[in-house]
């Protein structure tokens, strides 16, 4: 099997577009492949066309439910991750605004040895 580029004159037949798994037909004895020079096609012999399409269709039918579930779980995980991120930022902001009463702050400073940062209202 030879590789052909888009926009080239080729003999009529069936061509498989690489990377996109798109089947293209060139009608007549000669014709032009669609696309630009970056598109690559592989010529499929006519005898292999029907068994290849039946096989690709069967693979599609078998794996379509798995693809659907994978997409669903990806969307759910992405949404949950974004929600957790928003909740984490809100919690961090609340904790930053939270202030201990003066007595507890003095006790905390004695126990930990850490001083209250300057510039923060007491």
PDB file of N, CA and C in Angstrom:
ATOM      1  N   UNK A   1       0.847  -1.182   0.000  1.00  0.00           N
ATOM      2  CA  UNK A   1       0.000   0.000   0.000  1.00  0.00           C
ATOM      3  C   UNK A   1       0.888   1.240   0.000  1.00  0.00           C
ATOM      4  N   UNK A   2       0.511   2.190  -0.818  1.00  0.00           N
ATOM      5  CA  UNK A   2       1.274   3.424  -0.925  1.00  0.00           C
ATOM      6  C   UNK A   2       0.568   4.548  -0.192  1.00  0.00           C
ATOM      7  N   UNK A   3       1.342   5.553   0.169  1.00  0.00           N
ATOM      8  CA  UNK A   3       0.805   6.730   0.835  1.00  0.00           C
ATOM      9  C   UNK A   3       0.682   7.849  -0.182  1.00  0.00           C
ATOM     10  N   UNK A   4      -0.450   8.541  -0.156  1.00  0.00           N
ATOM     11  CA  UNK A   4      -0.708   9.646  -1.069  1.00  0.00           C
ATOM     12  C   UNK A   4      -0.991  10.902  -0.257  1.00  0.00           C
ATOM     13  N   UNK A   5      -0.701  12.054  -0.824  1.00  0.00           N
ATOM     14  CA  UNK A   5      -0.952  13.344  -0.180  1.00  0.00           C
ATOM     15  C   UNK A   5      -2.227  13.956  -0.730  1.00  0.00           C
ATOM     16  N   UNK A   6      -2.876  14.798   0.079  1.00  0.00           N
ATOM     17  CA  UNK A   6      -4.079  15.487  -0.362  1.00  0.00           C
ATOM     18  C   UNK A   6      -3.766  16.435  -1.506  1.00  0.00           C
ATOM     19  N   UNK A   7      -4.706  16.572  -2.431  1.00  0.00           N
ATOM     20  CA  UNK A   7      -4.523  17.450  -3.576  1.00  0.00           C
ATOM     21  C   UNK A   7      -3.807  16.793  -4.741  1.00  0.00           C
ATOM     22  N   UNK A   8      -3.354  15.548  -4.591  1.00  0.00           N
ATOM     23  CA  UNK A   8      -2.656  14.839  -5.674  1.00  0.00           C
ATOM     24  C   UNK A   8      -3.642  14.129  -6.585  1.00  0.00           C
ATOM     25  N   UNK A   9      -3.271  13.997  -7.860  1.00  0.00           N
ATOM     26  CA  UNK A   9      -4.042  13.213  -8.809  1.00  0.00           C
ATOM     27  C   UNK A   9      -3.750  11.739  -8.543  1.00  0.00           C
ATOM     28  N   UNK A  10      -4.789  10.939  -8.421  1.00  0.00           N
ATOM     29  CA  UNK A  10      -4.618   9.515  -8.158  1.00  0.00           C
ATOM     30  C   UNK A  10      -5.605   8.720  -8.999  1.00  0.00           C
ATOM     31  N   UNK A  11      -5.414   7.420  -9.000  1.00  0.00           N
ATOM     32  CA  UNK A  11      -6.363   6.532  -9.661  1.00  0.00           C
ATOM     33  C   UNK A  11      -7.621   6.418  -8.816  1.00  0.00           C
ATOM     34  N   UNK A  12      -8.720   6.063  -9.451  1.00  0.00           N
ATOM     35  CA  UNK A  12      -9.972   5.894  -8.736  1.00  0.00           C
ATOM     36  C   UNK A  12      -9.891   4.738  -7.745  1.00  0.00           C
ATOM     37  N   UNK A  13     -10.648   4.845  -6.666  1.00  0.00           N
ATOM     38  CA  UNK A  13     -10.659   3.784  -5.668  1.00  0.00           C
ATOM     39  C   UNK A  13     -10.975   4.311  -4.287  1.00  0.00           C
ATOM     40  N   UNK A  14     -10.651   3.504  -3.311  1.00  0.00           N
ATOM     41  CA  UNK A  14     -10.925   3.836  -1.911  1.00  0.00           C
ATOM     42  C   UNK A  14      -9.633   4.228  -1.214  1.00  0.00           C
ATOM     43  N   UNK A  15      -9.688   5.319  -0.429  1.00  0.00           N
ATOM     44  CA  UNK A  15      -8.525   5.819   0.285  1.00  0.00           C
ATOM     45  C   UNK A  15      -8.906   6.065   1.740  1.00  0.00           C
ATOM     46  N   UNK A  16      -8.008   5.695   2.648  1.00  0.00           N
ATOM     47  CA  UNK A  16      -8.203   5.894   4.082  1.00  0.00           C
ATOM     48  C   UNK A  16      -7.345   7.064   4.520  1.00  0.00           C
ATOM     49  N   UNK A  17      -7.978   8.083   5.110  1.00  0.00           N
ATOM     50  CA  UNK A  17      -7.246   9.257   5.581  1.00  0.00           C
ATOM     51  C   UNK A  17      -6.588   8.930   6.913  1.00  0.00           C
ATOM     52  N   UNK A  18      -5.267   9.070   6.970  1.00  0.00           N
ATOM     53  CA  UNK A  18      -4.527   8.751   8.193  1.00  0.00           C
ATOM     54  C   UNK A  18      -4.868   9.743   9.302  1.00  0.00           C
ATOM     55  N   UNK A  19      -4.939   9.242  10.517  1.00  0.00           N
ATOM     56  CA  UNK A  19      -5.178  10.084  11.689  1.00  0.00           C
ATOM     57  C   UNK A  19      -6.646  10.337  11.969  1.00  0.00           C
ATOM     58  N   UNK A  20      -7.496  10.351  10.948  1.00  0.00           N
ATOM     59  CA  UNK A  20      -8.914  10.620  11.152  1.00  0.00           C
ATOM     60  C   UNK A  20      -9.783   9.415  10.832  1.00  0.00           C
ATOM     61  N   UNK A  21      -9.226   8.384  10.254  1.00  0.00           N
ATOM     62  CA  UNK A  21      -9.918   7.150   9.891  1.00  0.00           C
ATOM     63  C   UNK A  21     -11.134   7.454   9.011  1.00  0.00           C
ATOM     64  N   UNK A  22     -10.973   8.389   8.085  1.00  0.00           N
ATOM     65  CA  UNK A  22     -12.041   8.769   7.161  1.00  0.00           C
ATOM     66  C   UNK A  22     -11.829   8.069   5.831  1.00  0.00           C
ATOM     67  N   UNK A  23     -12.883   7.476   5.303  1.00  0.00           N
ATOM     68  CA  UNK A  23     -12.809   6.821   3.999  1.00  0.00           C
ATOM     69  C   UNK A  23     -13.206   7.817   2.920  1.00  0.00           C
ATOM     70  N   UNK A  24     -12.375   7.905   1.886  1.00  0.00           N
ATOM     71  CA  UNK A  24     -12.614   8.817   0.776  1.00  0.00           C
ATOM     72  C   UNK A  24     -12.630   7.995  -0.500  1.00  0.00           C
ATOM     73  N   UNK A  25     -13.564   8.280  -1.362  1.00  0.00           N
ATOM     74  CA  UNK A  25     -13.605   7.589  -2.646  1.00  0.00           C
ATOM     75  C   UNK A  25     -13.240   8.568  -3.749  1.00  0.00           C
ATOM     76  N   UNK A  26     -12.477   8.072  -4.701  1.00  0.00           N
ATOM     77  CA  UNK A  26     -12.152   8.837  -5.901  1.00  0.00           C
ATOM     78  C   UNK A  26     -12.885   8.151  -7.034  1.00  0.00           C
ATOM     79  N   UNK A  27     -13.859   8.858  -7.614  1.00  0.00           N
ATOM     80  CA  UNK A  27     -14.689   8.283  -8.674  1.00  0.00           C
ATOM     81  C   UNK A  27     -13.973   8.365 -10.016  1.00  0.00           C
ATOM     82  N   UNK A  28     -14.284   7.430 -10.897  1.00  0.00           N
ATOM     83  CA  UNK A  28     -13.716   7.422 -12.238  1.00  0.00           C
ATOM     84  C   UNK A  28     -12.334   6.798 -12.266  1.00  0.00           C
ATOM     85  N   UNK A  29     -11.662   6.945 -13.413  1.00  0.00           N
ATOM     86  CA  UNK A  29     -10.319   6.363 -13.545  1.00  0.00           C
ATOM     87  C   UNK A  29      -9.277   7.198 -12.808  1.00  0.00           C
ATOM     88  N   UNK A  30      -9.410   8.494 -12.841  1.00  0.00           N
ATOM     89  CA  UNK A  30      -8.475   9.385 -12.159  1.00  0.00           C
ATOM     90  C   UNK A  30      -9.263  10.458 -11.420  1.00  0.00           C
ATOM     91  N   UNK A  31      -8.685  10.958 -10.354  1.00  0.00           N
ATOM     92  CA  UNK A  31      -9.331  12.025  -9.597  1.00  0.00           C
ATOM     93  C   UNK A  31      -8.356  12.647  -8.615  1.00  0.00           C
ATOM     94  N   UNK A  32      -8.835  13.652  -7.912  1.00  0.00           N
ATOM     95  CA  UNK A  32      -7.985  14.380  -6.974  1.00  0.00           C
ATOM     96  C   UNK A  32      -8.432  14.082  -5.547  1.00  0.00           C
ATOM     97  N   UNK A  33      -7.463  13.848  -4.671  1.00  0.00           N
ATOM     98  CA  UNK A  33      -7.772  13.626  -3.255  1.00  0.00           C
ATOM     99  C   UNK A  33      -8.063  14.960  -2.580  1.00  0.00           C
ATOM    100  N   UNK A  34      -9.062  15.010  -1.670  1.00  0.00           N
ATOM    101  CA  UNK A  34      -9.368  16.270  -0.987  1.00  0.00           C
ATOM    102  C   UNK A  34      -8.303  16.618   0.044  1.00  0.00           C
ATOM    103  N   UNK A  35      -8.251  17.892   0.406  1.00  0.00           N
ATOM    104  CA  UNK A  35      -7.329  18.345   1.446  1.00  0.00           C
ATOM    105  C   UNK A  35      -6.070  18.951   0.883  1.00  0.00           C
ATOM    106  N   UNK A  36      -5.205  19.386   1.802  1.00  0.00           N
ATOM    107  CA  UNK A  36      -3.946  19.999   1.384  1.00  0.00           C
ATOM    108  C   UNK A  36      -2.818  18.976   1.439  1.00  0.00           C
ATOM    109  N   UNK A  37      -1.596  19.460   1.303  1.00  0.00           N
ATOM    110  CA  UNK A  37      -0.430  18.580   1.228  1.00  0.00           C
ATOM    111  C   UNK A  37      -0.145  17.868   2.550  1.00  0.00           C
ATOM    112  N   UNK A  38      -0.711  18.362   3.667  1.00  0.00           N
ATOM    113  CA  UNK A  38      -0.469  17.733   4.969  1.00  0.00           C
ATOM    114  C   UNK A  38      -1.347  16.503   5.199  1.00  0.00           C
ATOM    115  N   UNK A  39      -2.436  16.365   4.449  1.00  0.00           N
ATOM    116  CA  UNK A  39      -3.321  15.205   4.583  1.00  0.00           C
ATOM    117  C   UNK A  39      -2.678  14.005   3.900  1.00  0.00           C
ATOM    118  N   UNK A  40      -2.644  12.876   4.597  1.00  0.00           N
ATOM    119  CA  UNK A  40      -2.064  11.661   4.030  1.00  0.00           C
ATOM    120  C   UNK A  40      -3.150  10.595   3.903  1.00  0.00           C
ATOM    121  N   UNK A  41      -3.107   9.885   2.779  1.00  0.00           N
ATOM    122  CA  UNK A  41      -4.087   8.836   2.496  1.00  0.00           C
ATOM    123  C   UNK A  41      -3.364   7.541   2.165  1.00  0.00           C
ATOM    124  N   UNK A  42      -4.015   6.437   2.474  1.00  0.00           N
ATOM    125  CA  UNK A  42      -3.515   5.108   2.111  1.00  0.00           C
ATOM    126  C   UNK A  42      -4.560   4.481   1.201  1.00  0.00           C
ATOM    127  N   UNK A  43      -4.117   3.958   0.060  1.00  0.00           N
ATOM    128  CA  UNK A  43      -5.039   3.321  -0.877  1.00  0.00           C
ATOM    129  C   UNK A  43      -5.425   1.952  -0.335  1.00  0.00           C
ATOM    130  N   UNK A  44      -6.737   1.685  -0.311  1.00  0.00           N
ATOM    131  CA  UNK A  44      -7.271   0.409   0.153  1.00  0.00           C
ATOM    132  C   UNK A  44      -7.745  -0.374  -1.080  1.00  0.00           C
ATOM    133  N   UNK A  45      -7.212  -1.574  -1.280  1.00  0.00           N
ATOM    134  CA  UNK A  45      -7.697  -2.388  -2.403  1.00  0.00           C
ATOM    135  C   UNK A  45      -9.188  -2.692  -2.247  1.00  0.00           C
ATOM    136  N   UNK A  46      -9.882  -2.769  -3.378  1.00  0.00           N
ATOM    137  CA  UNK A  46     -11.339  -2.967  -3.364  1.00  0.00           C
ATOM    138  C   UNK A  46     -11.734  -4.259  -2.653  1.00  0.00           C
ATOM    139  N   UNK A  47     -10.913  -5.314  -2.765  1.00  0.00           N
ATOM    140  CA  UNK A  47     -11.251  -6.579  -2.100  1.00  0.00           C
ATOM    141  C   UNK A  47     -11.176  -6.480  -0.576  1.00  0.00           C
ATOM    142  N   UNK A  48     -10.353  -5.570  -0.053  1.00  0.00           N
ATOM    143  CA  UNK A  48     -10.228  -5.408   1.402  1.00  0.00           C
ATOM    144  C   UNK A  48     -11.211  -4.387   1.963  1.00  0.00           C
ATOM    145  N   UNK A  49     -11.846  -3.614   1.083  1.00  0.00           N
ATOM    146  CA  UNK A  49     -12.701  -2.529   1.547  1.00  0.00           C
ATOM    147  C   UNK A  49     -13.871  -3.035   2.393  1.00  0.00           C
ATOM    148  N   UNK A  50     -14.623  -4.003   1.903  1.00  0.00           N
ATOM    149  CA  UNK A  50     -15.814  -4.488   2.622  1.00  0.00           C
ATOM    150  C   UNK A  50     -15.436  -5.153   3.950  1.00  0.00           C
ATOM    151  N   UNK A  51     -14.473  -6.102   3.981  1.00  0.00           N
ATOM    152  CA  UNK A  51     -14.129  -6.687   5.291  1.00  0.00           C
ATOM    153  C   UNK A  51     -13.559  -5.659   6.274  1.00  0.00           C
ATOM    154  N   UNK A  52     -12.794  -4.699   5.763  1.00  0.00           N
ATOM    155  CA  UNK A  52     -12.235  -3.666   6.633  1.00  0.00           C
ATOM    156  C   UNK A  52     -13.339  -2.806   7.239  1.00  0.00           C
ATOM    157  N   UNK A  53     -14.319  -2.409   6.440  1.00  0.00           N
ATOM    158  CA  UNK A  53     -15.411  -1.577   6.948  1.00  0.00           C
ATOM    159  C   UNK A  53     -16.293  -2.348   7.926  1.00  0.00           C
ATOM    160  N   UNK A  54     -16.520  -3.637   7.681  1.00  0.00           N
ATOM    161  CA  UNK A  54     -17.307  -4.446   8.618  1.00  0.00           C
ATOM    162  C   UNK A  54     -16.567  -4.560   9.953  1.00  0.00           C
ATOM    163  N   UNK A  55     -15.268  -4.781   9.901  1.00  0.00           N
ATOM    164  CA  UNK A  55     -14.462  -4.880  11.119  1.00  0.00           C
ATOM    165  C   UNK A  55     -14.450  -3.563  11.884  1.00  0.00           C
ATOM    166  N   UNK A  56     -14.215  -2.452  11.190  1.00  0.00           N
ATOM    167  CA  UNK A  56     -14.206  -1.145  11.859  1.00  0.00           C
ATOM    168  C   UNK A  56     -15.576  -0.815  12.450  1.00  0.00           C
ATOM    169  N   UNK A  57     -16.656  -1.166  11.745  1.00  0.00           N
ATOM    170  CA  UNK A  57     -17.997  -0.950  12.279  1.00  0.00           C
ATOM    171  C   UNK A  57     -18.244  -1.775  13.526  1.00  0.00           C
ATOM    172  N   UNK A  58     -17.799  -3.030  13.523  1.00  0.00           N
ATOM    173  CA  UNK A  58     -17.956  -3.880  14.709  1.00  0.00           C
ATOM    174  C   UNK A  58     -17.182  -3.354  15.903  1.00  0.00           C
ATOM    175  N   UNK A  59     -15.956  -2.897  15.671  1.00  0.00           N
ATOM    176  CA  UNK A  59     -15.151  -2.327  16.758  1.00  0.00           C
ATOM    177  C   UNK A  59     -15.836  -1.082  17.314  1.00  0.00           C
ATOM    178  N   UNK A  60     -16.386  -0.266  16.417  1.00  0.00           N
ATOM    179  CA  UNK A  60     -17.092   0.933  16.856  1.00  0.00           C
ATOM    180  C   UNK A  60     -18.289   0.584  17.729  1.00  0.00           C
ATOM    181  N   UNK A  61     -19.082  -0.392  17.310  1.00  0.00           N
ATOM    182  CA  UNK A  61     -20.277  -0.788  18.063  1.00  0.00           C
ATOM    183  C   UNK A  61     -19.901  -1.367  19.422  1.00  0.00           C
ATOM    184  N   UNK A  62     -18.828  -2.153  19.473  1.00  0.00           N
ATOM    185  CA  UNK A  62     -18.421  -2.774  20.727  1.00  0.00           C
ATOM    186  C   UNK A  62     -17.889  -1.739  21.718  1.00  0.00           C
ATOM    187  N   UNK A  63     -17.050  -0.810  21.253  1.00  0.00           N
ATOM    188  CA  UNK A  63     -16.392   0.116  22.167  1.00  0.00           C
ATOM    189  C   UNK A  63     -17.143   1.417  22.395  1.00  0.00           C
ATOM    190  N   UNK A  64     -18.228   1.684  21.665  1.00  0.00           N
ATOM    191  CA  UNK A  64     -18.977   2.923  21.850  1.00  0.00           C
ATOM    192  C   UNK A  64     -19.506   3.089  23.277  1.00  0.00           C
ATOM    193  N   UNK A  65     -20.103   2.059  23.913  1.00  0.00           N
ATOM    194  CA  UNK A  65     -20.548   2.263  25.301  1.00  0.00           C
ATOM    195  C   UNK A  65     -19.397   2.586  26.249  1.00  0.00           C
ATOM    196  N   UNK A  66     -18.240   1.954  26.057  1.00  0.00           N
ATOM    197  CA  UNK A  66     -17.091   2.248  26.920  1.00  0.00           C
ATOM    198  C   UNK A  66     -16.608   3.677  26.739  1.00  0.00           C
ATOM    199  N   UNK A  67     -16.630   4.151  25.500  1.00  0.00           N
ATOM    200  CA  UNK A  67     -16.232   5.523  25.233  1.00  0.00           C
ATOM    201  C   UNK A  67     -17.207   6.481  25.909  1.00  0.00           C
ATOM    202  N   UNK A  68     -18.498   6.169  25.852  1.00  0.00           N
ATOM    203  CA  UNK A  68     -19.500   7.011  26.501  1.00  0.00           C
ATOM    204  C   UNK A  68     -19.311   7.078  28.011  1.00  0.00           C
ATOM    205  N   UNK A  69     -19.071   5.919  28.637  1.00  0.00           N
ATOM    206  CA  UNK A  69     -18.837   5.916  30.079  1.00  0.00           C
ATOM    207  C   UNK A  69     -17.551   6.659  30.439  1.00  0.00           C
ATOM    208  N   UNK A  70     -16.515   6.490  29.653  1.00  0.00           N
ATOM    209  CA  UNK A  70     -15.257   7.195  29.922  1.00  0.00           C
ATOM    210  C   UNK A  70     -15.461   8.704  29.842  1.00  0.00           C
ATOM    211  N   UNK A  71     -16.207   9.162  28.854  1.00  0.00           N
ATOM    212  CA  UNK A  71     -16.480  10.594  28.735  1.00  0.00           C
ATOM    213  C   UNK A  71     -17.319  11.090  29.902  1.00  0.00           C
ATOM    214  N   UNK A  72     -18.317  10.301  30.318  1.00  0.00           N
ATOM    215  CA  UNK A  72     -19.164  10.687  31.444  1.00  0.00           C
ATOM    216  C   UNK A  72     -18.345  10.819  32.729  1.00  0.00           C
ATOM    217  N   UNK A  73     -17.507   9.820  33.019  1.00  0.00           N
ATOM    218  CA  UNK A  73     -16.694   9.876  34.235  1.00  0.00           C
ATOM    219  C   UNK A  73     -15.670  11.005  34.184  1.00  0.00           C
ATOM    220  N   UNK A  74     -15.159  11.317  33.003  1.00  0.00           N
ATOM    221  CA  UNK A  74     -14.226  12.432  32.870  1.00  0.00           C
ATOM    222  C   UNK A  74     -14.920  13.751  33.187  1.00  0.00           C
ATOM    223  N   UNK A  75     -16.131  13.938  32.682  1.00  0.00           N
ATOM    224  CA  UNK A  75     -16.879  15.171  32.951  1.00  0.00           C
ATOM    225  C   UNK A  75     -17.201  15.280  34.432  1.00  0.00           C
ATOM    226  N   UNK A  76     -17.638  14.181  35.047  1.00  0.00           N
ATOM    227  CA  UNK A  76     -17.975  14.201  36.479  1.00  0.00           C
ATOM    228  C   UNK A  76     -16.735  14.517  37.310  1.00  0.00           C
ATOM    229  N   UNK A  77     -15.609  13.886  37.001  1.00  0.00           N
ATOM    230  CA  UNK A  77     -14.377  14.139  37.764  1.00  0.00           C
ATOM    231  C   UNK A  77     -13.903  15.576  37.588  1.00  0.00           C
ATOM    232  N   UNK A  78     -14.031  16.112  36.384  1.00  0.00           N
ATOM    233  CA  UNK A  78     -13.611  17.498  36.144  1.00  0.00           C
ATOM    234  C   UNK A  78     -14.479  18.466  36.937  1.00  0.00           C
ATOM    235  N   UNK A  79     -15.788  18.258  36.896  1.00  0.00           N
ATOM    236  CA  UNK A  79     -16.698  19.135  37.648  1.00  0.00           C
ATOM    237  C   UNK A  79     -16.450  19.024  39.153  1.00  0.00           C
ATOM    238  N   UNK A  80     -16.257  17.803  39.655  1.00  0.00           N
ATOM    239  CA  UNK A  80     -15.994  17.614  41.087  1.00  0.00           C
ATOM    240  C   UNK A  80     -14.680  18.266  41.481  1.00  0.00           C
ATOM    241  N   UNK A  81     -13.673  18.144  40.644  1.00  0.00           N
ATOM    242  CA  UNK A  81     -12.382  18.770  40.937  1.00  0.00           C
ATOM    243  C   UNK A  81     -12.477  20.283  40.987  1.00  0.00           C
ATOM    244  N   UNK A  82     -13.225  20.867  40.050  1.00  0.00           N
ATOM    245  CA  UNK A  82     -13.396  22.328  40.062  1.00  0.00           C
ATOM    246  C   UNK A  82     -14.177  22.765  41.296  1.00  0.00           C
ATOM    247  N   UNK A  83     -15.202  21.985  41.676  1.00  0.00           N
ATOM    248  CA  UNK A  83     -15.973  22.314  42.874  1.00  0.00           C
ATOM    249  C   UNK A  83     -15.132  22.231  44.134  1.00  0.00           C
ATOM    250  N   UNK A  84     -14.305  21.192  44.234  1.00  0.00           N
ATOM    251  CA  UNK A  84     -13.419  21.060  45.394  1.00  0.00           C
ATOM    252  C   UNK A  84     -12.414  22.212  45.440  1.00  0.00           C
ATOM    253  N   UNK A  85     -11.942  22.647  44.290  1.00  0.00           N
ATOM    254  CA  UNK A  85     -11.000  23.757  44.226  1.00  0.00           C
ATOM    255  C   UNK A  85     -11.656  25.037  44.733  1.00  0.00           C
ATOM    256  N   UNK A  86     -12.889  25.304  44.313  1.00  0.00           N
ATOM    257  CA  UNK A  86     -13.609  26.493  44.770  1.00  0.00           C
ATOM    258  C   UNK A  86     -13.866  26.413  46.268  1.00  0.00           C
ATOM    259  N   UNK A  87     -14.273  25.231  46.753  1.00  0.00           N
ATOM    260  CA  UNK A  87     -14.525  25.076  48.187  1.00  0.00           C
ATOM    261  C   UNK A  87     -13.239  25.244  48.991  1.00  0.00           C
ATOM    262  N   UNK A  88     -12.136  24.732  48.491  1.00  0.00           N
ATOM    263  CA  UNK A  88     -10.859  24.874  49.184  1.00  0.00           C
ATOM    264  C   UNK A  88     -10.424  26.326  49.285  1.00  0.00           C
ATOM    265  N   UNK A  89     -10.604  27.072  48.195  1.00  0.00           N
ATOM    266  CA  UNK A  89     -10.252  28.492  48.230  1.00  0.00           C
ATOM    267  C   UNK A  89     -11.156  29.256  49.198  1.00  0.00           C
ATOM    268  N   UNK A  90     -12.448  28.938  49.213  1.00  0.00           N
ATOM    269  CA  UNK A  90     -13.369  29.613  50.136  1.00  0.00           C
ATOM    270  C   UNK A  90     -13.012  29.288  51.585  1.00  0.00           C
ATOM    271  N   UNK A  91     -12.668  28.024  51.853  1.00  0.00           N
ATOM    272  CA  UNK A  91     -12.279  27.638  53.206  1.00  0.00           C
ATOM    273  C   UNK A  91     -10.988  28.337  53.631  1.00  0.00           C
ATOM    274  N   UNK A  92     -10.031  28.409  52.721  1.00  0.00           N
ATOM    275  CA  UNK A  92      -8.770  29.085  53.039  1.00  0.00           C
ATOM    276  C   UNK A  92      -9.000  30.569  53.317  1.00  0.00           C
ATOM    277  N   UNK A  93      -9.898  31.178  52.550  1.00  0.00           N
ATOM    278  CA  UNK A  93     -10.192  32.586  52.773  1.00  0.00           C
ATOM    279  C   UNK A  93     -10.865  32.786  54.131  1.00  0.00           C
ATOM    280  N   UNK A  94     -11.799  31.899  54.471  1.00  0.00           N
ATOM    281  CA  UNK A  94     -12.469  32.001  55.775  1.00  0.00           C
ATOM    282  C   UNK A  94     -11.481  31.794  56.925  1.00  0.00           C
ATOM    283  N   UNK A  95     -10.603  30.814  56.780  1.00  0.00           N
ATOM    284  CA  UNK A  95      -9.611  30.579  57.835  1.00  0.00           C
ATOM    285  C   UNK A  95      -8.663  31.751  57.980  1.00  0.00           C
ATOM    286  N   UNK A  96      -8.360  32.409  56.866  1.00  0.00           N
ATOM    287  CA  UNK A  96      -7.496  33.588  56.926  1.00  0.00           C
ATOM    288  C   UNK A  96      -8.170  34.752  57.627  1.00  0.00           C
ATOM    289  N   UNK A  97      -9.488  34.853  57.472  1.00  0.00           N
ATOM    290  CA  UNK A  97     -10.229  35.928  58.121  1.00  0.00           C
ATOM    291  C   UNK A  97     -10.557  35.617  59.583  1.00  0.00           C
ATOM    292  N   UNK A  98     -10.495  34.357  59.953  1.00  0.00           N
ATOM    293  CA  UNK A  98     -10.853  33.938  61.299  1.00  0.00           C
ATOM    294  C   UNK A  98      -9.811  34.426  62.292  1.00  0.00           C
ATOM    295  N   UNK A  99     -10.257  35.008  63.368  1.00  0.00           N
ATOM    296  CA  UNK A  99      -9.324  35.529  64.360  1.00  0.00           C
ATOM    297  C   UNK A  99      -9.671  34.946  65.723  1.00  0.00           C
ATOM    298  N   UNK A 100      -8.618  34.581  66.437  1.00  0.00           N
ATOM    299  CA  UNK A 100      -8.815  34.070  67.792  1.00  0.00           C
ATOM    300  C   UNK A 100      -9.077  35.220  68.754  1.00  0.00           C
ATOM    301  N   UNK A 101      -9.876  34.977  69.760  1.00  0.00           N
ATOM    302  CA  UNK A 101     -10.007  36.002  70.805  1.00  0.00           C
ATOM    303  C   UNK A 101      -8.646  36.261  71.440  1.00  0.00           C
ATOM    304  N   UNK A 102      -8.507  37.428  72.062  1.00  0.00           N
ATOM    305  CA  UNK A 102      -7.217  37.871  72.587  1.00  0.00           C
ATOM    306  C   UNK A 102      -6.651  36.879  73.606  1.00  0.00           C
ATOM    307  N   UNK A 103      -7.479  36.348  74.512  1.00  0.00           N
ATOM    308  CA  UNK A 103      -6.979  35.403  75.515  1.00  0.00           C
ATOM    309  C   UNK A 103      -6.460  34.130  74.864  1.00  0.00           C
ATOM    310  N   UNK A 104      -7.230  33.592  73.899  1.00  0.00           N
ATOM    311  CA  UNK A 104      -6.798  32.370  73.231  1.00  0.00           C
ATOM    312  C   UNK A 104      -5.560  32.615  72.382  1.00  0.00           C
ATOM    313  N   UNK A 105      -5.468  33.813  71.789  1.00  0.00           N
ATOM    314  CA  UNK A 105      -4.303  34.127  70.976  1.00  0.00           C
ATOM    315  C   UNK A 105      -3.044  34.155  71.851  1.00  0.00           C
ATOM    316  N   UNK A 106      -3.136  34.744  73.029  1.00  0.00           N
ATOM    317  CA  UNK A 106      -1.985  34.805  73.931  1.00  0.00           C
ATOM    318  C   UNK A 106      -1.591  33.405  74.370  1.00  0.00           C
ATOM    319  N   UNK A 107      -2.570  32.564  74.662  1.00  0.00           N
ATOM    320  CA  UNK A 107      -2.283  31.188  75.047  1.00  0.00           C
ATOM    321  C   UNK A 107      -1.655  30.429  73.895  1.00  0.00           C
ATOM    322  N   UNK A 108      -2.168  30.631  72.694  1.00  0.00           N
ATOM    323  CA  UNK A 108      -1.612  29.961  71.527  1.00  0.00           C
ATOM    324  C   UNK A 108      -0.180  30.403  71.273  1.00  0.00           C
ATOM    325  N   UNK A 109       0.089  31.700  71.482  1.00  0.00           N
ATOM    326  CA  UNK A 109       1.458  32.191  71.297  1.00  0.00           C
ATOM    327  C   UNK A 109       2.405  31.589  72.329  1.00  0.00           C
ATOM    328  N   UNK A 110       1.934  31.419  73.560  1.00  0.00           N
ATOM    329  CA  UNK A 110       2.780  30.812  74.580  1.00  0.00           C
ATOM    330  C   UNK A 110       3.056  29.342  74.260  1.00  0.00           C
ATOM    331  N   UNK A 111       2.026  28.621  73.823  1.00  0.00           N
ATOM    332  CA  UNK A 111       2.187  27.200  73.553  1.00  0.00           C
ATOM    333  C   UNK A 111       3.051  26.934  72.319  1.00  0.00           C
ATOM    334  N   UNK A 112       2.853  27.722  71.281  1.00  0.00           N
ATOM    335  CA  UNK A 112       3.562  27.454  70.027  1.00  0.00           C
ATOM    336  C   UNK A 112       4.838  28.255  69.882  1.00  0.00           C
ATOM    337  N   UNK A 113       4.932  29.379  70.553  1.00  0.00           N
ATOM    338  CA  UNK A 113       6.099  30.233  70.401  1.00  0.00           C
ATOM    339  C   UNK A 113       6.013  31.114  69.165  1.00  0.00           C
ATOM    340  N   UNK A 114       4.907  31.043  68.463  1.00  0.00           N
ATOM    341  CA  UNK A 114       4.715  31.860  67.258  1.00  0.00           C
ATOM    342  C   UNK A 114       4.032  33.156  67.632  1.00  0.00           C
ATOM    343  N   UNK A 115       4.489  34.237  67.056  1.00  0.00           N
ATOM    344  CA  UNK A 115       3.899  35.546  67.319  1.00  0.00           C
ATOM    345  C   UNK A 115       2.848  35.842  66.251  1.00  0.00           C
ATOM    346  N   UNK A 116       1.855  36.629  66.631  1.00  0.00           N
ATOM    347  CA  UNK A 116       0.816  37.042  65.704  1.00  0.00           C
ATOM    348  C   UNK A 116       1.466  37.967  64.670  1.00  0.00           C
ATOM    349  N   UNK A 117       1.189  37.765  63.392  1.00  0.00           N
ATOM    350  CA  UNK A 117       1.822  38.601  62.384  1.00  0.00           C
ATOM    351  C   UNK A 117       1.399  40.052  62.519  1.00  0.00           C
ATOM    352  N   UNK A 118       2.343  40.937  62.216  1.00  0.00           N
ATOM    353  CA  UNK A 118       2.037  42.370  62.307  1.00  0.00           C
ATOM    354  C   UNK A 118       1.211  42.774  61.104  1.00  0.00           C
ATOM    355  N   UNK A 119       0.453  43.825  61.253  1.00  0.00           N
ATOM    356  CA  UNK A 119      -0.385  44.313  60.168  1.00  0.00           C
ATOM    357  C   UNK A 119      -1.753  43.656  60.149  1.00  0.00           C
ATOM    358  N   UNK A 120      -1.962  42.642  60.968  1.00  0.00           N
ATOM    359  CA  UNK A 120      -3.252  41.993  61.041  1.00  0.00           C
ATOM    360  C   UNK A 120      -3.977  42.557  62.244  1.00  0.00           C
ATOM    361  N   UNK A 121      -5.217  43.015  62.080  1.00  0.00           N
ATOM    362  CA  UNK A 121      -5.934  43.608  63.229  1.00  0.00           C
ATOM    363  C   UNK A 121      -6.099  42.608  64.361  1.00  0.00           C
ATOM    364  N   UNK A 122      -5.984  43.121  65.581  1.00  0.00           N
ATOM    365  CA  UNK A 122      -6.059  42.255  66.756  1.00  0.00           C
ATOM    366  C   UNK A 122      -7.404  42.266  67.393  1.00  0.00           C
TER     367      UNK A 122
END
